[in-house]
Amino acid sequence: MAAIASITPPTNGGSFASPVSTLSASDTITFNASRKQLLVVRNGTGSLVTLKIDGDGGTTINAPGAPGISVAGGYDIAIADGASASVILGTISAYCKGVVTLTGASGATAQLFNL
C-alpha cells in the first residue's frame, strides 16, 4: 500500500512538476478539507477499471429528504481503457473521512492536486 503524495502548485504561478503515481491494488491519499483537491486518474491498463474511493470513517449521512444514506461502501468511478476521470474530493467529502484508500484500479495512474 503506497501513499499517493499530493501536488501543490507554486503560489507565484507558472509551470510546476506534477509527478504521476502508478496505482497498486491498494493505495492511500490524504484528504484535506481546507484545500480544493482534484484527483485525476488515467487508465492505460488495457481493460475497464473501477476505482473505489473509500474513507474508513465514512458511515451514513443525512441529506435533506434522504436521511441515513450509507457511504460505507465507498465511491466508485468506472474508467474505460485509454480514458481518464477526475473528481474534486470536496464534492464527495462524505466518502473521504478517515484514512482514504484507493482500490480497484491497479496499473492506472493518478495525480492528486491541491488547488
Foldseek 3Di string as FASTA:
>chain_A
DEEADADEDDPVDDDDDFDKAADAQKYWYADDLVFFKKKKKAAQPQAKWKKFKAACPAAFAQDVVDGGHGCHRGDIDIAGHGGMDMDGCNVVVSRRPHIIMIHGRGGIMMHMYGD
